[in-house]
Amino acid sequence: MPDARPDAPRYLHERGKPTADTTATTAAVDVSELLARLAQRTEELAEAKVEQKQAEAELRKRSRQVTTERKAHNEVRERLEGDCEALESECELLLAESRELEVKLTREQDVRTAVEVDVKRAEDLTAALQDKLKIVWAQLRESETEAIESPPRRKRLGS
């Protein structure tokens, strides 16, 4: 019995009472049409398979490319992490060296301050000694001048 569903192929629908001639012609036309559609579908399927193969090849190519990029990225990241660790170590060493230099500089500044204080005291002492030397020198000259101007005193003998 023919299929009565609306989506069934049209050659399966009953159309009144077909005659032998119309049935053969209709069947031949329907089969030719079906073969043409089948050929078209086969061609479309072949084209779709080719496109699918090309898409799969492109996808594999892109996947390899992404894998290569990911590997390169990981290598760069690991190298940068190593560089970062090395720089952090160097930074810590420089920080420790900086602290040592600051301590040394502070000590040298303290020593310099002490030396400047000692130099100032020495300058003050030198100035004071120069003042005393001038006074003594002036007194010596004065006494020499008096000695020259005044007659020598003689001791009296006798009485």
Foldseek 3Di string as FASTA:
>chain_A
DFDPDPPDDPLSDDDDDDDPVVNVVVVVVVVVVVVVVVVVVVVVVVVVVVVVVVVVVVVVVVVVVVVVVVVVVVVVVVVVVVVVVVVVVVVVVVVVVVVVVVVVVVVVVVVVVVVVVVVVVVVVVVVVVVVVVVVVVVVVVVVVVVPVPDDDDDDDPDD
